[in-house]
Full PDB file with SEQRES, HELIX, SHEET, SSBOND, CRYST1, ORIGX, SCALE, CONECT and MASTER records, all heavy atoms in Angstrom:
SEQRES   1 A   40  GLN VAL GLY ALA ARG ASN MET GLN ASN PHE GLU LEU LEU          
SEQRES   2 A   40  LYS ALA LEU GLY HIS THR LYS LYS THR ILE LEU LEU LYS          
SEQRES   3 A   40  ARG GLY LEU ALA ASN THR LEU GLU GLU LEU LEU MET SER          
SEQRES   4 A   40  ALA                                                          
HELIX    1 AA1 ALA A    4  ASN A    6  5                                   3    
HELIX    2 AA2 PHE A   10  LEU A   16  1                                   7    
HELIX    3 AA3 LEU A   33  SER A   39  1                                   7    
CRYST1    1.000    1.000    1.000  90.00  90.00  90.00 P 1           1          
ORIGX1      1.000000  0.000000  0.000000        0.00000                         
ORIGX2      0.000000  1.000000  0.000000        0.00000                         
ORIGX3      0.000000  0.000000  1.000000        0.00000                         
SCALE1      1.000000  0.000000  0.000000        0.00000                         
SCALE2      0.000000  1.000000  0.000000        0.00000                         
SCALE3      0.000000  0.000000  1.000000        0.00000                         
ATOM      1  N   GLN A   1      -0.227 -12.739   3.972  1.00  0.00           N  
ATOM      2  CA  GLN A   1      -0.883 -13.704   4.860  1.00  0.00           C  
ATOM      3  C   GLN A   1      -2.057 -13.053   5.590  1.00  0.00           C  
ATOM      4  O   GLN A   1      -1.933 -11.958   6.128  1.00  0.00           O  
ATOM      5  CB  GLN A   1       0.122 -14.237   5.875  1.00  0.00           C  
ATOM      6  CG  GLN A   1      -0.467 -15.163   6.928  1.00  0.00           C  
ATOM      7  CD  GLN A   1       0.577 -15.614   7.933  1.00  0.00           C  
ATOM      8  OE1 GLN A   1       1.683 -16.002   7.569  1.00  0.00           O  
ATOM      9  NE2 GLN A   1       0.241 -15.552   9.208  1.00  0.00           N  
ATOM     10  N   VAL A   2      -3.186 -13.750   5.586  1.00  0.00           N  
ATOM     11  CA  VAL A   2      -4.333 -13.357   6.402  1.00  0.00           C  
ATOM     12  C   VAL A   2      -4.390 -14.334   7.560  1.00  0.00           C  
ATOM     13  O   VAL A   2      -4.575 -15.537   7.364  1.00  0.00           O  
ATOM     14  CB  VAL A   2      -5.649 -13.406   5.599  1.00  0.00           C  
ATOM     15  CG1 VAL A   2      -6.843 -13.093   6.507  1.00  0.00           C  
ATOM     16  CG2 VAL A   2      -5.597 -12.430   4.429  1.00  0.00           C  
ATOM     17  N   GLY A   3      -4.195 -13.839   8.777  1.00  0.00           N  
ATOM     18  CA  GLY A   3      -4.115 -14.702   9.948  1.00  0.00           C  
ATOM     19  C   GLY A   3      -5.465 -15.232  10.388  1.00  0.00           C  
ATOM     20  O   GLY A   3      -6.525 -14.806   9.903  1.00  0.00           O  
ATOM     21  N   ALA A   4      -5.415 -16.167  11.322  1.00  0.00           N  
ATOM     22  CA  ALA A   4      -6.635 -16.824  11.801  1.00  0.00           C  
ATOM     23  C   ALA A   4      -7.644 -15.823  12.349  1.00  0.00           C  
ATOM     24  O   ALA A   4      -8.851 -15.968  12.142  1.00  0.00           O  
ATOM     25  CB  ALA A   4      -6.270 -17.846  12.881  1.00  0.00           C  
ATOM     26  N   ARG A   5      -7.161 -14.791  13.035  1.00  0.00           N  
ATOM     27  CA  ARG A   5      -8.069 -13.813  13.635  1.00  0.00           C  
ATOM     28  C   ARG A   5      -8.773 -12.963  12.578  1.00  0.00           C  
ATOM     29  O   ARG A   5      -9.810 -12.359  12.852  1.00  0.00           O  
ATOM     30  CB  ARG A   5      -7.298 -12.908  14.601  1.00  0.00           C  
ATOM     31  CG  ARG A   5      -6.726 -13.622  15.819  1.00  0.00           C  
ATOM     32  CD  ARG A   5      -5.818 -12.675  16.598  1.00  0.00           C  
ATOM     33  NE  ARG A   5      -5.277 -13.270  17.805  1.00  0.00           N  
ATOM     34  CZ  ARG A   5      -4.190 -14.035  17.848  1.00  0.00           C  
ATOM     35  NH1 ARG A   5      -3.547 -14.315  16.717  1.00  0.00           N  
ATOM     36  NH2 ARG A   5      -3.743 -14.518  18.991  1.00  0.00           N  
ATOM     37  N   ASN A   6      -8.202 -12.881  11.399  1.00  0.00           N  
ATOM     38  CA  ASN A   6      -8.777 -12.042  10.336  1.00  0.00           C  
ATOM     39  C   ASN A   6      -9.442 -12.847   9.230  1.00  0.00           C  
ATOM     40  O   ASN A   6      -9.816 -12.287   8.206  1.00  0.00           O  
ATOM     41  CB  ASN A   6      -7.693 -11.148   9.728  1.00  0.00           C  
ATOM     42  CG  ASN A   6      -7.508  -9.859  10.524  1.00  0.00           C  
ATOM     43  OD1 ASN A   6      -8.476  -9.209  10.898  1.00  0.00           O  
ATOM     44  ND2 ASN A   6      -6.268  -9.507  10.787  1.00  0.00           N  
ATOM     45  N   MET A   7      -9.598 -14.150   9.446  1.00  0.00           N  
ATOM     46  CA  MET A   7     -10.174 -14.975   8.383  1.00  0.00           C  
ATOM     47  C   MET A   7     -11.549 -14.494   7.958  1.00  0.00           C  
ATOM     48  O   MET A   7     -11.938 -14.619   6.791  1.00  0.00           O  
ATOM     49  CB  MET A   7     -10.261 -16.434   8.840  1.00  0.00           C  
ATOM     50  CG  MET A   7     -10.569 -17.428   7.721  1.00  0.00           C  
ATOM     51  SD  MET A   7     -11.385 -18.947   8.270  1.00  0.00           S  
ATOM     52  CE  MET A   7     -13.112 -18.437   8.276  1.00  0.00           C  
ATOM     53  N   GLN A   8     -12.301 -13.915   8.872  1.00  0.00           N  
ATOM     54  CA  GLN A   8     -13.626 -13.396   8.542  1.00  0.00           C  
ATOM     55  C   GLN A   8     -13.701 -11.871   8.649  1.00  0.00           C  
ATOM     56  O   GLN A   8     -14.767 -11.306   8.881  1.00  0.00           O  
ATOM     57  CB  GLN A   8     -14.689 -14.058   9.412  1.00  0.00           C  
ATOM     58  CG  GLN A   8     -14.895 -15.533   9.067  1.00  0.00           C  
ATOM     59  CD  GLN A   8     -16.036 -16.173   9.823  1.00  0.00           C  
ATOM     60  OE1 GLN A   8     -16.101 -16.085  11.049  1.00  0.00           O  
ATOM     61  NE2 GLN A   8     -16.932 -16.834   9.101  1.00  0.00           N  
ATOM     62  N   ASN A   9     -12.559 -11.229   8.431  1.00  0.00           N  
ATOM     63  CA  ASN A   9     -12.535  -9.775   8.295  1.00  0.00           C  
ATOM     64  C   ASN A   9     -12.895  -9.479   6.839  1.00  0.00           C  
ATOM     65  O   ASN A   9     -12.035  -9.324   5.974  1.00  0.00           O  
ATOM     66  CB  ASN A   9     -11.147  -9.233   8.639  1.00  0.00           C  
ATOM     67  CG  ASN A   9     -11.062  -7.722   8.575  1.00  0.00           C  
ATOM     68  OD1 ASN A   9     -11.894  -7.057   7.956  1.00  0.00           O  
ATOM     69  ND2 ASN A   9     -10.036  -7.170   9.200  1.00  0.00           N  
ATOM     70  N   PHE A  10     -14.170  -9.421   6.552  1.00  0.00           N  
ATOM     71  CA  PHE A  10     -14.632  -9.430   5.170  1.00  0.00           C  
ATOM     72  C   PHE A  10     -14.229  -8.186   4.387  1.00  0.00           C  
ATOM     73  O   PHE A  10     -14.000  -8.259   3.176  1.00  0.00           O  
ATOM     74  CB  PHE A  10     -16.153  -9.635   5.134  1.00  0.00           C  
ATOM     75  CG  PHE A  10     -16.583 -10.948   5.733  1.00  0.00           C  
ATOM     76  CD1 PHE A  10     -17.464 -10.999   6.792  1.00  0.00           C  
ATOM     77  CD2 PHE A  10     -16.069 -12.146   5.253  1.00  0.00           C  
ATOM     78  CE1 PHE A  10     -17.848 -12.215   7.354  1.00  0.00           C  
ATOM     79  CE2 PHE A  10     -16.439 -13.363   5.804  1.00  0.00           C  
ATOM     80  CZ  PHE A  10     -17.331 -13.393   6.860  1.00  0.00           C  
ATOM     81  N   GLU A  11     -14.128  -7.044   5.049  1.00  0.00           N  
ATOM     82  CA  GLU A  11     -13.687  -5.839   4.340  1.00  0.00           C  
ATOM     83  C   GLU A  11     -12.229  -5.983   3.905  1.00  0.00           C  
ATOM     84  O   GLU A  11     -11.858  -5.552   2.803  1.00  0.00           O  
ATOM     85  CB  GLU A  11     -13.870  -4.604   5.227  1.00  0.00           C  
ATOM     86  CG  GLU A  11     -15.323  -4.267   5.526  1.00  0.00           C  
ATOM     87  CD  GLU A  11     -16.157  -4.107   4.257  1.00  0.00           C  
ATOM     88  OE1 GLU A  11     -15.691  -3.405   3.330  1.00  0.00           O  
ATOM     89  OE2 GLU A  11     -17.259  -4.681   4.187  1.00  0.00           O  
ATOM     90  N   LEU A  12     -11.410  -6.604   4.766  1.00  0.00           N  
ATOM     91  CA  LEU A  12     -10.018  -6.858   4.386  1.00  0.00           C  
ATOM     92  C   LEU A  12      -9.967  -7.839   3.226  1.00  0.00           C  
ATOM     93  O   LEU A  12      -9.212  -7.652   2.256  1.00  0.00           O  
ATOM     94  CB  LEU A  12      -9.237  -7.407   5.581  1.00  0.00           C  
ATOM     95  CG  LEU A  12      -7.800  -7.866   5.315  1.00  0.00           C  
ATOM     96  CD1 LEU A  12      -6.949  -6.722   4.794  1.00  0.00           C  
ATOM     97  CD2 LEU A  12      -7.181  -8.457   6.576  1.00  0.00           C  
ATOM     98  N   LEU A  13     -10.761  -8.906   3.277  1.00  0.00           N  
ATOM     99  CA  LEU A  13     -10.780  -9.904   2.211  1.00  0.00           C  
ATOM    100  C   LEU A  13     -11.212  -9.281   0.883  1.00  0.00           C  
ATOM    101  O   LEU A  13     -10.645  -9.578  -0.175  1.00  0.00           O  
ATOM    102  CB  LEU A  13     -11.713 -11.059   2.574  1.00  0.00           C  
ATOM    103  CG  LEU A  13     -11.371 -11.841   3.847  1.00  0.00           C  
ATOM    104  CD1 LEU A  13     -12.389 -12.946   4.077  1.00  0.00           C  
ATOM    105  CD2 LEU A  13      -9.963 -12.417   3.788  1.00  0.00           C  
ATOM    106  N   LYS A  14     -12.215  -8.408   0.925  1.00  0.00           N  
ATOM    107  CA  LYS A  14     -12.673  -7.729  -0.294  1.00  0.00           C  
ATOM    108  C   LYS A  14     -11.543  -6.892  -0.894  1.00  0.00           C  
ATOM    109  O   LYS A  14     -11.325  -6.904  -2.111  1.00  0.00           O  
ATOM    110  CB  LYS A  14     -13.874  -6.835   0.008  1.00  0.00           C  
ATOM    111  CG  LYS A  14     -15.162  -7.567   0.320  1.00  0.00           C  
ATOM    112  CD  LYS A  14     -16.248  -6.555   0.670  1.00  0.00           C  
ATOM    113  CE  LYS A  14     -17.529  -7.212   1.141  1.00  0.00           C  
ATOM    114  NZ  LYS A  14     -18.547  -6.210   1.542  1.00  0.00           N  
ATOM    115  N   ALA A  15     -10.827  -6.165  -0.033  1.00  0.00           N  
ATOM    116  CA  ALA A  15      -9.730  -5.323  -0.510  1.00  0.00           C  
ATOM    117  C   ALA A  15      -8.624  -6.167  -1.125  1.00  0.00           C  
ATOM    118  O   ALA A  15      -8.058  -5.813  -2.173  1.00  0.00           O  
ATOM    119  CB  ALA A  15      -9.186  -4.481   0.641  1.00  0.00           C  
ATOM    120  N   LEU A  16      -8.306  -7.301  -0.516  1.00  0.00           N  
ATOM    121  CA  LEU A  16      -7.261  -8.178  -1.057  1.00  0.00           C  
ATOM    122  C   LEU A  16      -7.697  -8.818  -2.368  1.00  0.00           C  
ATOM    123  O   LEU A  16      -6.861  -9.208  -3.185  1.00  0.00           O  
ATOM    124  CB  LEU A  16      -6.906  -9.262  -0.024  1.00  0.00           C  
ATOM    125  CG  LEU A  16      -6.238  -8.753   1.255  1.00  0.00           C  
ATOM    126  CD1 LEU A  16      -6.067  -9.890   2.252  1.00  0.00           C  
ATOM    127  CD2 LEU A  16      -4.895  -8.112   0.942  1.00  0.00           C  
ATOM    128  N   GLY A  17      -9.006  -8.923  -2.563  1.00  0.00           N  
ATOM    129  CA  GLY A  17      -9.512  -9.453  -3.832  1.00  0.00           C  
ATOM    130  C   GLY A  17      -9.185  -8.580  -5.020  1.00  0.00           C  
ATOM    131  O   GLY A  17      -9.196  -9.049  -6.158  1.00  0.00           O  
ATOM    132  N   HIS A  18      -8.875  -7.322  -4.762  1.00  0.00           N  
ATOM    133  CA  HIS A  18      -8.541  -6.390  -5.844  1.00  0.00           C  
ATOM    134  C   HIS A  18      -7.042  -6.231  -6.032  1.00  0.00           C  
ATOM    135  O   HIS A  18      -6.608  -5.429  -6.859  1.00  0.00           O  
ATOM    136  CB  HIS A  18      -9.188  -5.026  -5.582  1.00  0.00           C  
ATOM    137  CG  HIS A  18     -10.688  -5.069  -5.529  1.00  0.00           C  
ATOM    138  ND1 HIS A  18     -11.463  -5.426  -6.623  1.00  0.00           N  
ATOM    139  CD2 HIS A  18     -11.556  -4.824  -4.514  1.00  0.00           C  
ATOM    140  CE1 HIS A  18     -12.742  -5.384  -6.292  1.00  0.00           C  
ATOM    141  NE2 HIS A  18     -12.825  -5.037  -5.017  1.00  0.00           N  
ATOM    142  N   THR A  19      -6.244  -6.990  -5.262  1.00  0.00           N  
ATOM    143  CA  THR A  19      -4.793  -6.944  -5.443  1.00  0.00           C  
ATOM    144  C   THR A  19      -4.360  -8.040  -6.406  1.00  0.00           C  
ATOM    145  O   THR A  19      -5.143  -8.913  -6.772  1.00  0.00           O  
ATOM    146  CB  THR A  19      -4.060  -7.155  -4.097  1.00  0.00           C  
ATOM    147  OG1 THR A  19      -4.239  -8.515  -3.668  1.00  0.00           O  
ATOM    148  CG2 THR A  19      -4.588  -6.204  -3.034  1.00  0.00           C  
ATOM    149  N   LYS A  20      -3.100  -7.998  -6.803  1.00  0.00           N  
ATOM    150  CA  LYS A  20      -2.540  -9.027  -7.670  1.00  0.00           C  
ATOM    151  C   LYS A  20      -1.519  -9.882  -6.913  1.00  0.00           C  
ATOM    152  O   LYS A  20      -0.662 -10.515  -7.520  1.00  0.00           O  
ATOM    153  CB  LYS A  20      -1.896  -8.375  -8.896  1.00  0.00           C  
ATOM    154  CG  LYS A  20      -2.907  -7.662  -9.793  1.00  0.00           C  
ATOM    155  CD  LYS A  20      -2.248  -7.078 -11.037  1.00  0.00           C  
ATOM    156  CE  LYS A  20      -3.284  -6.394 -11.911  1.00  0.00           C  
ATOM    157  NZ  LYS A  20      -2.672  -5.789 -13.132  1.00  0.00           N  
ATOM    158  N   LYS A  21      -1.634  -9.880  -5.599  1.00  0.00           N  
ATOM    159  CA  LYS A  21      -0.732 -10.653  -4.752  1.00  0.00           C  
ATOM    160  C   LYS A  21      -1.323 -12.020  -4.441  1.00  0.00           C  
ATOM    161  O   LYS A  21      -2.538 -12.184  -4.330  1.00  0.00           O  
ATOM    162  CB  LYS A  21      -0.505  -9.918  -3.422  1.00  0.00           C  
ATOM    163  CG  LYS A  21       0.091  -8.532  -3.549  1.00  0.00           C  
ATOM    164  CD  LYS A  21       1.582  -8.595  -3.786  1.00  0.00           C  
ATOM    165  CE  LYS A  21       2.189  -7.204  -3.709  1.00  0.00           C  
ATOM    166  NZ  LYS A  21       3.653  -7.232  -3.936  1.00  0.00           N  
ATOM    167  N   THR A  22      -0.445 -13.013  -4.258  1.00  0.00           N  
ATOM    168  CA  THR A  22      -0.899 -14.295  -3.733  1.00  0.00           C  
ATOM    169  C   THR A  22      -1.298 -14.100  -2.273  1.00  0.00           C  
ATOM    170  O   THR A  22      -0.609 -13.421  -1.512  1.00  0.00           O  
ATOM    171  CB  THR A  22       0.216 -15.344  -3.834  1.00  0.00           C  
ATOM    172  OG1 THR A  22       0.505 -15.589  -5.209  1.00  0.00           O  
ATOM    173  CG2 THR A  22      -0.210 -16.656  -3.181  1.00  0.00           C  
ATOM    174  N   ILE A  23      -2.420 -14.702  -1.885  1.00  0.00           N  
ATOM    175  CA  ILE A  23      -2.915 -14.585  -0.515  1.00  0.00           C  
ATOM    176  C   ILE A  23      -2.809 -15.938   0.178  1.00  0.00           C  
ATOM    177  O   ILE A  23      -3.268 -16.948  -0.349  1.00  0.00           O  
ATOM    178  CB  ILE A  23      -4.390 -14.115  -0.486  1.00  0.00           C  
ATOM    179  CG1 ILE A  23      -4.579 -12.859  -1.340  1.00  0.00           C  
ATOM    180  CG2 ILE A  23      -4.846 -13.899   0.961  1.00  0.00           C  
ATOM    181  CD1 ILE A  23      -3.753 -11.664  -0.907  1.00  0.00           C  
ATOM    182  N   LEU A  24      -2.193 -15.958   1.359  1.00  0.00           N  
ATOM    183  CA  LEU A  24      -2.144 -17.155   2.185  1.00  0.00           C  
ATOM    184  C   LEU A  24      -3.214 -16.979   3.254  1.00  0.00           C  
ATOM    185  O   LEU A  24      -3.083 -16.139   4.147  1.00  0.00           O  
ATOM    186  CB  LEU A  24      -0.758 -17.335   2.803  1.00  0.00           C  
ATOM    187  CG  LEU A  24      -0.464 -18.703   3.431  1.00  0.00           C  
ATOM    188  CD1 LEU A  24       1.041 -18.952   3.484  1.00  0.00           C  
ATOM    189  CD2 LEU A  24      -1.034 -18.807   4.836  1.00  0.00           C  
ATOM    190  N   LEU A  25      -4.277 -17.761   3.162  1.00  0.00           N  
ATOM    191  CA  LEU A  25      -5.440 -17.608   4.029  1.00  0.00           C  
ATOM    192  C   LEU A  25      -5.465 -18.700   5.091  1.00  0.00           C  
ATOM    193  O   LEU A  25      -5.601 -19.884   4.781  1.00  0.00           O  
ATOM    194  CB  LEU A  25      -6.718 -17.668   3.186  1.00  0.00           C  
ATOM    195  CG  LEU A  25      -8.051 -17.530   3.929  1.00  0.00           C  
ATOM    196  CD1 LEU A  25      -8.166 -16.166   4.604  1.00  0.00           C  
ATOM    197  CD2 LEU A  25      -9.206 -17.745   2.957  1.00  0.00           C  
ATOM    198  N   LYS A  26      -5.333 -18.288   6.359  1.00  0.00           N  
ATOM    199  CA  LYS A  26      -5.329 -19.253   7.454  1.00  0.00           C  
ATOM    200  C   LYS A  26      -6.742 -19.508   7.969  1.00  0.00           C  
ATOM    201  O   LYS A  26      -7.575 -18.591   8.036  1.00  0.00           O  
ATOM    202  CB  LYS A  26      -4.451 -18.746   8.604  1.00  0.00           C  
ATOM    203  CG  LYS A  26      -2.955 -18.879   8.339  1.00  0.00           C  
ATOM    204  CD  LYS A  26      -2.174 -18.705   9.628  1.00  0.00           C  
ATOM    205  CE  LYS A  26      -0.753 -19.208   9.486  1.00  0.00           C  
ATOM    206  NZ  LYS A  26      -0.035 -19.207  10.765  1.00  0.00           N  
ATOM    207  N   ARG A  27      -6.978 -20.751   8.354  1.00  0.00           N  
ATOM    208  CA  ARG A  27      -8.264 -21.113   8.951  1.00  0.00           C  
ATOM    209  C   ARG A  27      -8.385 -20.507  10.350  1.00  0.00           C  
ATOM    210  O   ARG A  27      -7.428 -20.477  11.112  1.00  0.00           O  
ATOM    211  CB  ARG A  27      -8.362 -22.638   9.042  1.00  0.00           C  
ATOM    212  CG  ARG A  27      -9.678 -23.168   9.597  1.00  0.00           C  
ATOM    213  CD  ARG A  27      -9.606 -24.678   9.705  1.00  0.00           C  
ATOM    214  NE  ARG A  27     -10.838 -25.258  10.224  1.00  0.00           N  
ATOM    215  CZ  ARG A  27     -10.996 -26.553  10.466  1.00  0.00           C  
ATOM    216  NH1 ARG A  27      -9.996 -27.393  10.226  1.00  0.00           N  
ATOM    217  NH2 ARG A  27     -12.140 -27.020  10.939  1.00  0.00           N  
ATOM    218  N   GLY A  28      -9.576 -20.018  10.680  1.00  0.00           N  
ATOM    219  CA  GLY A  28      -9.808 -19.429  11.980  1.00  0.00           C  
ATOM    220  C   GLY A  28      -9.796 -20.451  13.099  1.00  0.00           C  
ATOM    221  O   GLY A  28      -9.891 -21.660  12.875  1.00  0.00           O  
ATOM    222  N   LEU A  29      -9.703 -19.962  14.325  1.00  0.00           N  
ATOM    223  CA  LEU A  29      -9.588 -20.824  15.500  1.00  0.00           C  
ATOM    224  C   LEU A  29     -10.784 -21.752  15.676  1.00  0.00           C  
ATOM    225  O   LEU A  29     -10.649 -22.855  16.204  1.00  0.00           O  
ATOM    226  CB  LEU A  29      -9.457 -19.966  16.759  1.00  0.00           C  
ATOM    227  CG  LEU A  29      -8.175 -19.140  16.917  1.00  0.00           C  
ATOM    228  CD1 LEU A  29      -8.304 -18.226  18.118  1.00  0.00           C  
ATOM    229  CD2 LEU A  29      -6.981 -20.049  17.080  1.00  0.00           C  
ATOM    230  N   ALA A  30     -11.963 -21.309  15.243  1.00  0.00           N  
ATOM    231  CA  ALA A  30     -13.171 -22.103  15.471  1.00  0.00           C  
ATOM    232  C   ALA A  30     -14.061 -22.097  14.243  1.00  0.00           C  
ATOM    233  O   ALA A  30     -15.288 -22.029  14.341  1.00  0.00           O  
ATOM    234  CB  ALA A  30     -13.931 -21.568  16.688  1.00  0.00           C  
ATOM    235  N   ASN A  31     -13.435 -22.171  13.067  1.00  0.00           N  
ATOM    236  CA  ASN A  31     -14.188 -22.100  11.820  1.00  0.00           C  
ATOM    237  C   ASN A  31     -14.226 -23.437  11.095  1.00  0.00           C  
ATOM    238  O   ASN A  31     -13.272 -24.211  11.138  1.00  0.00           O  
ATOM    239  CB  ASN A  31     -13.593 -21.041  10.893  1.00  0.00           C  
ATOM    240  CG  ASN A  31     -13.864 -19.635  11.388  1.00  0.00           C  
ATOM    241  OD1 ASN A  31     -12.977 -18.974  11.909  1.00  0.00           O  
ATOM    242  ND2 ASN A  31     -15.095 -19.176  11.237  1.00  0.00           N  
ATOM    243  N   THR A  32     -15.320 -23.683  10.418  1.00  0.00           N  
ATOM    244  CA  THR A  32     -15.471 -24.897   9.627  1.00  0.00           C  
ATOM    245  C   THR A  32     -14.712 -24.751   8.311  1.00  0.00           C  
ATOM    246  O   THR A  32     -14.319 -23.648   7.909  1.00  0.00           O  
ATOM    247  CB  THR A  32     -16.953 -25.161   9.323  1.00  0.00           C  
ATOM    248  OG1 THR A  32     -17.446 -24.105   8.476  1.00  0.00           O  
ATOM    249  CG2 THR A  32     -17.777 -25.224  10.605  1.00  0.00           C  
ATOM    250  N   LEU A  33     -14.549 -25.873   7.624  1.00  0.00           N  
ATOM    251  CA  LEU A  33     -13.879 -25.843   6.325  1.00  0.00           C  
ATOM    252  C   LEU A  33     -14.706 -25.055   5.316  1.00  0.00           C  
ATOM    253  O   LEU A  33     -14.158 -24.344   4.463  1.00  0.00           O  
ATOM    254  CB  LEU A  33     -13.641 -27.272   5.824  1.00  0.00           C  
ATOM    255  CG  LEU A  33     -12.746 -28.148   6.704  1.00  0.00           C  
ATOM    256  CD1 LEU A  33     -12.541 -29.511   6.071  1.00  0.00           C  
ATOM    257  CD2 LEU A  33     -11.404 -27.485   6.981  1.00  0.00           C  
ATOM    258  N   GLU A  34     -16.019 -25.177   5.399  1.00  0.00           N  
ATOM    259  CA  GLU A  34     -16.866 -24.416   4.485  1.00  0.00           C  
ATOM    260  C   GLU A  34     -16.720 -22.917   4.723  1.00  0.00           C  
ATOM    261  O   GLU A  34     -16.673 -22.127   3.778  1.00  0.00           O  
ATOM    262  CB  GLU A  34     -18.332 -24.826   4.627  1.00  0.00           C  
ATOM    263  CG  GLU A  34     -19.244 -24.107   3.641  1.00  0.00           C  
ATOM    264  CD  GLU A  34     -20.657 -24.653   3.621  1.00  0.00           C  
ATOM    265  OE1 GLU A  34     -20.848 -25.821   3.207  1.00  0.00           O  
ATOM    266  OE2 GLU A  34     -21.567 -23.918   4.046  1.00  0.00           O  
ATOM    267  N   GLU A  35     -16.621 -22.520   5.979  1.00  0.00           N  
ATOM    268  CA  GLU A  35     -16.421 -21.098   6.281  1.00  0.00           C  
ATOM    269  C   GLU A  35     -15.070 -20.617   5.752  1.00  0.00           C  
ATOM    270  O   GLU A  35     -14.955 -19.473   5.283  1.00  0.00           O  
ATOM    271  CB  GLU A  35     -16.529 -20.869   7.786  1.00  0.00           C  
ATOM    272  CG  GLU A  35     -17.950 -20.980   8.313  1.00  0.00           C  
ATOM    273  CD  GLU A  35     -18.035 -21.005   9.830  1.00  0.00           C  
ATOM    274  OE1 GLU A  35     -17.010 -21.316  10.491  1.00  0.00           O  
ATOM    275  OE2 GLU A  35     -19.122 -20.734  10.357  1.00  0.00           O  
ATOM    276  N   LEU A  36     -14.055 -21.460   5.830  1.00  0.00           N  
ATOM    277  CA  LEU A  36     -12.754 -21.106   5.260  1.00  0.00           C  
ATOM    278  C   LEU A  36     -12.879 -20.862   3.767  1.00  0.00           C  
ATOM    279  O   LEU A  36     -12.345 -19.881   3.234  1.00  0.00           O  
ATOM    280  CB  LEU A  36     -11.744 -22.227   5.544  1.00  0.00           C  
ATOM    281  CG  LEU A  36     -10.374 -22.104   4.873  1.00  0.00           C  
ATOM    282  CD1 LEU A  36      -9.647 -20.850   5.323  1.00  0.00           C  
ATOM    283  CD2 LEU A  36      -9.526 -23.348   5.175  1.00  0.00           C  
ATOM    284  N   LEU A  37     -13.593 -21.753   3.074  1.00  0.00           N  
ATOM    285  CA  LEU A  37     -13.750 -21.592   1.631  1.00  0.00           C  
ATOM    286  C   LEU A  37     -14.616 -20.387   1.285  1.00  0.00           C  
ATOM    287  O   LEU A  37     -14.407 -19.749   0.253  1.00  0.00           O  
ATOM    288  CB  LEU A  37     -14.336 -22.870   1.023  1.00  0.00           C  
ATOM    289  CG  LEU A  37     -13.409 -24.085   1.068  1.00  0.00           C  
ATOM    290  CD1 LEU A  37     -14.075 -25.289   0.411  1.00  0.00           C  
ATOM    291  CD2 LEU A  37     -12.081 -23.785   0.384  1.00  0.00           C  
ATOM    292  N   MET A  38     -15.578 -20.063   2.134  1.00  0.00           N  
ATOM    293  CA  MET A  38     -16.371 -18.866   1.892  1.00  0.00           C  
ATOM    294  C   MET A  38     -15.513 -17.603   2.024  1.00  0.00           C  
ATOM    295  O   MET A  38     -15.715 -16.619   1.303  1.00  0.00           O  
ATOM    296  CB  MET A  38     -17.560 -18.810   2.852  1.00  0.00           C  
ATOM    297  CG  MET A  38     -18.645 -19.834   2.548  1.00  0.00           C  
ATOM    298  SD  MET A  38     -19.271 -19.732   0.843  1.00  0.00           S  
ATOM    299  CE  MET A  38     -19.994 -18.094   0.844  1.00  0.00           C  
ATOM    300  N   SER A  39     -14.533 -17.636   2.931  1.00  0.00           N  
ATOM    301  CA  SER A  39     -13.605 -16.507   3.045  1.00  0.00           C  
ATOM    302  C   SER A  39     -12.735 -16.408   1.795  1.00  0.00           C  
ATOM    303  O   SER A  39     -12.473 -15.307   1.295  1.00  0.00           O  
ATOM    304  CB  SER A  39     -12.730 -16.657   4.297  1.00  0.00           C  
ATOM    305  OG  SER A  39     -13.501 -16.499   5.469  1.00  0.00           O  
ATOM    306  N   ALA A  40     -12.296 -17.559   1.295  1.00  0.00           N  
ATOM    307  CA  ALA A  40     -11.546 -17.562   0.030  1.00  0.00           C  
ATOM    308  C   ALA A  40     -12.418 -17.016  -1.098  1.00  0.00           C  
ATOM    309  O   ALA A  40     -11.939 -16.301  -1.991  1.00  0.00           O  
ATOM    310  CB  ALA A  40     -11.075 -18.979  -0.296  1.00  0.00           C  
TER     311      ALA A  40                                                      
MASTER        0    0    0    3    0    0    0    6  310    1    0    4          
END                                                                             
Protein backbone atom coordinates (compact mmCIF):
# COMPACT_ATOMS: atom_id res chain seq x y z
CA GLN A 1 0.00 0.00 0.00
CA VAL A 2 1.13 3.52 -0.87
CA GLY A 3 -0.61 5.88 1.54
CA ALA A 4 -2.13 9.26 0.81
CA ARG A 5 0.93 11.11 2.10
CA ASN A 6 3.19 9.21 -0.30
CA MET A 7 1.02 9.37 -3.40
CA GLN A 8 3.48 11.80 -4.97
CA ASN A 9 6.65 10.32 -3.51
CA PHE A 10 7.92 9.76 -7.02
CA GLU A 11 11.17 8.01 -6.10
CA LEU A 12 9.16 5.47 -4.09
CA LEU A 13 6.71 5.03 -7.00
CA LYS A 14 9.60 4.48 -9.43
CA ALA A 15 11.09 1.82 -7.15
CA LEU A 16 7.73 0.04 -6.81
CA GLY A 17 7.47 0.05 -10.60
CA HIS A 18 10.34 -2.42 -10.67
CA THR A 19 8.71 -4.85 -8.23
CA LYS A 20 6.34 -7.69 -9.07
CA LYS A 21 3.95 -6.87 -6.24
CA THR A 22 0.41 -5.56 -6.56
CA ILE A 23 0.34 -1.91 -5.48
CA LEU A 24 -2.63 -0.34 -3.69
CA LEU A 25 -2.34 3.37 -4.46
CA LYS A 26 -4.32 5.78 -2.28
CA ARG A 27 -5.44 9.19 -3.47
CA GLY A 28 -3.74 12.09 -1.70
CA LEU A 29 -5.53 14.45 0.67
CA ALA A 30 -5.73 17.26 -1.88
CA ASN A 31 -5.03 15.60 -5.22
CA THR A 32 -7.08 15.50 -8.39
CA LEU A 33 -8.06 12.28 -10.13
CA GLU A 34 -5.65 13.08 -12.94
CA GLU A 35 -2.82 13.46 -10.44
CA LEU A 36 -3.74 10.08 -8.96
CA LEU A 37 -3.51 8.50 -12.40
CA MET A 38 -0.21 10.22 -13.07
CA SER A 39 1.13 8.60 -9.88
CA ALA A 40 -0.12 5.24 -11.15
